[in-house]
Amino acid sequence: MPTDPRARAAAMDYLRHIDVSRESAAFDVPAEVHRAFRDETGMTFARWRYAARMRIARDLLVGGARPGAVARRVGYAHLPSFSTAFTRLHGLSPREFQERESEV
């Protein structure tokens, strides 16, 4: 989480509304907020949002939530879109990830 007050406020607002499916343009923030994210986290705001969604999704899957419910919870309207995004980051589908984690 960034410490810059405006960047932190944007992050908290995003996290409070993470379950709302929206285009990245619909969640627009000023350029100085983008700079603060890049400077403090090493990620663009868009990349941070993606990472936050996938981190929350991972935690929910480990907790036993069904992939379809997780997809909706992190703002994906369609399970296949969520599955593609999750697999791209983790190298495993949500179901495979969940099965692997339940074996540990």
C-alpha atoms as a PDB file:
ATOM      1  CA  MET A   1       0.000   0.000   0.000  1.00  0.00           C
ATOM      2  CA  PRO A   2       1.299   3.433  -0.845  1.00  0.00           C
ATOM      3  CA  THR A   3       1.783   5.978   1.930  1.00  0.00           C
ATOM      4  CA  ASP A   4       1.033   9.071  -0.165  1.00  0.00           C
ATOM      5  CA  PRO A   5      -2.377  10.224   1.164  1.00  0.00           C
ATOM      6  CA  ARG A   6      -4.002  10.599  -2.269  1.00  0.00           C
ATOM      7  CA  ALA A   7      -2.609   7.308  -3.548  1.00  0.00           C
ATOM      8  CA  ARG A   8      -3.638   5.520  -0.359  1.00  0.00           C
ATOM      9  CA  ALA A   9      -7.150   7.003  -0.623  1.00  0.00           C
ATOM     10  CA  ALA A  10      -7.401   5.793  -4.240  1.00  0.00           C
ATOM     11  CA  ALA A  11      -6.203   2.325  -3.207  1.00  0.00           C
ATOM     12  CA  MET A  12      -8.686   2.105  -0.347  1.00  0.00           C
ATOM     13  CA  ASP A  13     -11.521   3.278  -2.589  1.00  0.00           C
ATOM     14  CA  TYR A  14     -10.590   0.650  -5.153  1.00  0.00           C
ATOM     15  CA  LEU A  15     -10.450  -2.094  -2.515  1.00  0.00           C
ATOM     16  CA  ARG A  16     -13.832  -1.052  -1.086  1.00  0.00           C
ATOM     17  CA  HIS A  17     -15.358  -1.398  -4.567  1.00  0.00           C
ATOM     18  CA  ILE A  18     -13.279  -4.296  -5.911  1.00  0.00           C
ATOM     19  CA  ASP A  19     -16.379  -6.407  -6.542  1.00  0.00           C
ATOM     20  CA  VAL A  20     -17.710  -3.891  -9.063  1.00  0.00           C
ATOM     21  CA  SER A  21     -16.786  -4.912 -12.580  1.00  0.00           C
ATOM     22  CA  ARG A  22     -15.468  -1.862 -14.389  1.00  0.00           C
ATOM     23  CA  GLU A  23     -13.165  -0.811 -17.158  1.00  0.00           C
ATOM     24  CA  SER A  24      -9.880   0.716 -16.052  1.00  0.00           C
ATOM     25  CA  ALA A  25     -10.907   4.050 -17.599  1.00  0.00           C
ATOM     26  CA  ALA A  26     -13.905   4.120 -15.284  1.00  0.00           C
ATOM     27  CA  PHE A  27     -11.543   4.274 -12.292  1.00  0.00           C
ATOM     28  CA  ASP A  28      -9.499   7.267 -13.272  1.00  0.00           C
ATOM     29  CA  VAL A  29      -7.166   9.055 -10.886  1.00  0.00           C
ATOM     30  CA  PRO A  30      -4.969  12.132 -11.353  1.00  0.00           C
ATOM     31  CA  ALA A  31      -1.485  11.800 -12.803  1.00  0.00           C
ATOM     32  CA  GLU A  32       0.153  12.563  -9.450  1.00  0.00           C
ATOM     33  CA  VAL A  33      -1.574   9.523  -7.960  1.00  0.00           C
ATOM     34  CA  HIS A  34      -0.220   7.377 -10.787  1.00  0.00           C
ATOM     35  CA  ARG A  35       3.266   8.762 -10.108  1.00  0.00           C
ATOM     36  CA  ALA A  36       2.953   8.095  -6.372  1.00  0.00           C
ATOM     37  CA  PHE A  37       1.987   4.464  -7.055  1.00  0.00           C
ATOM     38  CA  ARG A  38       4.909   3.986  -9.416  1.00  0.00           C
ATOM     39  CA  ASP A  39       7.361   5.657  -7.019  1.00  0.00           C
ATOM     40  CA  GLU A  40       6.182   3.898  -3.857  1.00  0.00           C
ATOM     41  CA  THR A  41       5.192   0.442  -5.071  1.00  0.00           C
ATOM     42  CA  GLY A  42       7.234   0.013  -8.238  1.00  0.00           C
ATOM     43  CA  MET A  43       3.976  -0.663 -10.078  1.00  0.00           C
ATOM     44  CA  THR A  44       1.585   1.403 -12.098  1.00  0.00           C
ATOM     45  CA  PHE A  45      -1.826   1.923 -10.543  1.00  0.00           C
ATOM     46  CA  ALA A  46      -3.322  -0.448 -13.135  1.00  0.00           C
ATOM     47  CA  ARG A  47      -0.755  -3.128 -12.292  1.00  0.00           C
ATOM     48  CA  TRP A  48      -1.333  -2.607  -8.564  1.00  0.00           C
ATOM     49  CA  ARG A  49      -5.093  -3.031  -9.060  1.00  0.00           C
ATOM     50  CA  TYR A  50      -4.531  -6.283 -10.971  1.00  0.00           C
ATOM     51  CA  ALA A  51      -2.142  -7.558  -8.287  1.00  0.00           C
ATOM     52  CA  ALA A  52      -4.615  -6.624  -5.524  1.00  0.00           C
ATOM     53  CA  ARG A  53      -7.438  -8.467  -7.278  1.00  0.00           C
ATOM     54  CA  MET A  54      -5.328 -11.573  -7.751  1.00  0.00           C
ATOM     55  CA  ARG A  55      -4.047 -11.490  -4.145  1.00  0.00           C
ATOM     56  CA  ILE A  56      -7.591 -11.298  -2.790  1.00  0.00           C
ATOM     57  CA  ALA A  57      -8.656 -14.042  -5.216  1.00  0.00           C
ATOM     58  CA  ARG A  58      -5.800 -16.255  -4.079  1.00  0.00           C
ATOM     59  CA  ASP A  59      -6.707 -15.758  -0.421  1.00  0.00           C
ATOM     60  CA  LEU A  60     -10.374 -16.549  -1.094  1.00  0.00           C
ATOM     61  CA  LEU A  61      -9.480 -19.700  -3.027  1.00  0.00           C
ATOM     62  CA  VAL A  62      -7.202 -20.885  -0.224  1.00  0.00           C
ATOM     63  CA  GLY A  63     -10.120 -20.292   2.131  1.00  0.00           C
ATOM     64  CA  GLY A  64     -12.237 -22.702   0.102  1.00  0.00           C
ATOM     65  CA  ALA A  65     -14.433 -20.306  -1.881  1.00  0.00           C
ATOM     66  CA  ARG A  66     -15.681 -21.567  -5.229  1.00  0.00           C
ATOM     67  CA  PRO A  67     -13.891 -20.052  -8.262  1.00  0.00           C
ATOM     68  CA  GLY A  68     -17.134 -18.604  -9.666  1.00  0.00           C
ATOM     69  CA  ALA A  69     -17.855 -16.801  -6.402  1.00  0.00           C
ATOM     70  CA  VAL A  70     -14.270 -15.573  -6.226  1.00  0.00           C
ATOM     71  CA  ALA A  71     -14.483 -14.230  -9.775  1.00  0.00           C
ATOM     72  CA  ARG A  72     -17.552 -12.172  -8.884  1.00  0.00           C
ATOM     73  CA  ARG A  73     -16.043 -11.015  -5.587  1.00  0.00           C
ATOM     74  CA  VAL A  74     -12.991  -9.540  -7.335  1.00  0.00           C
ATOM     75  CA  GLY A  75     -14.985  -7.883 -10.102  1.00  0.00           C
ATOM     76  CA  TYR A  76     -15.022 -10.360 -12.965  1.00  0.00           C
ATOM     77  CA  ALA A  77     -18.413 -10.812 -14.579  1.00  0.00           C
ATOM     78  CA  HIS A  78     -17.348 -14.049 -16.284  1.00  0.00           C
ATOM     79  CA  LEU A  79     -15.475 -16.998 -14.793  1.00  0.00           C
ATOM     80  CA  PRO A  80     -13.451 -17.674 -17.988  1.00  0.00           C
ATOM     81  CA  SER A  81     -12.055 -14.115 -17.940  1.00  0.00           C
ATOM     82  CA  PHE A  82     -11.088 -14.470 -14.298  1.00  0.00           C
ATOM     83  CA  SER A  83      -9.593 -17.900 -14.905  1.00  0.00           C
ATOM     84  CA  THR A  84      -7.459 -16.574 -17.768  1.00  0.00           C
ATOM     85  CA  ALA A  85      -6.180 -13.647 -15.675  1.00  0.00           C
ATOM     86  CA  PHE A  86      -5.488 -15.847 -12.644  1.00  0.00           C
ATOM     87  CA  THR A  87      -3.714 -18.488 -14.728  1.00  0.00           C
ATOM     88  CA  ARG A  88      -1.581 -15.836 -16.427  1.00  0.00           C
ATOM     89  CA  LEU A  89      -0.277 -14.673 -13.048  1.00  0.00           C
ATOM     90  CA  HIS A  90      -0.041 -17.949 -11.118  1.00  0.00           C
ATOM     91  CA  GLY A  91       0.585 -20.509 -13.853  1.00  0.00           C
ATOM     92  CA  LEU A  92      -2.355 -22.566 -12.574  1.00  0.00           C
ATOM     93  CA  SER A  93      -6.085 -22.276 -13.066  1.00  0.00           C
ATOM     94  CA  PRO A  94      -8.064 -21.212  -9.997  1.00  0.00           C
ATOM     95  CA  ARG A  95      -9.275 -24.784  -9.497  1.00  0.00           C
ATOM     96  CA  GLU A  96      -5.752 -26.233  -9.884  1.00  0.00           C
ATOM     97  CA  PHE A  97      -4.405 -23.623  -7.467  1.00  0.00           C
ATOM     98  CA  GLN A  98      -7.109 -24.471  -4.947  1.00  0.00           C
ATOM     99  CA  GLU A  99      -6.454 -28.189  -5.249  1.00  0.00           C
ATOM    100  CA  ARG A 100      -2.702 -27.698  -4.830  1.00  0.00           C
ATOM    101  CA  GLU A 101      -3.200 -25.515  -1.770  1.00  0.00           C
ATOM    102  CA  SER A 102      -5.575 -28.002  -0.153  1.00  0.00           C
ATOM    103  CA  GLU A 103      -2.863 -30.692  -0.373  1.00  0.00           C
ATOM    104  CA  VAL A 104      -0.387 -28.601   1.632  1.00  0.00           C
END
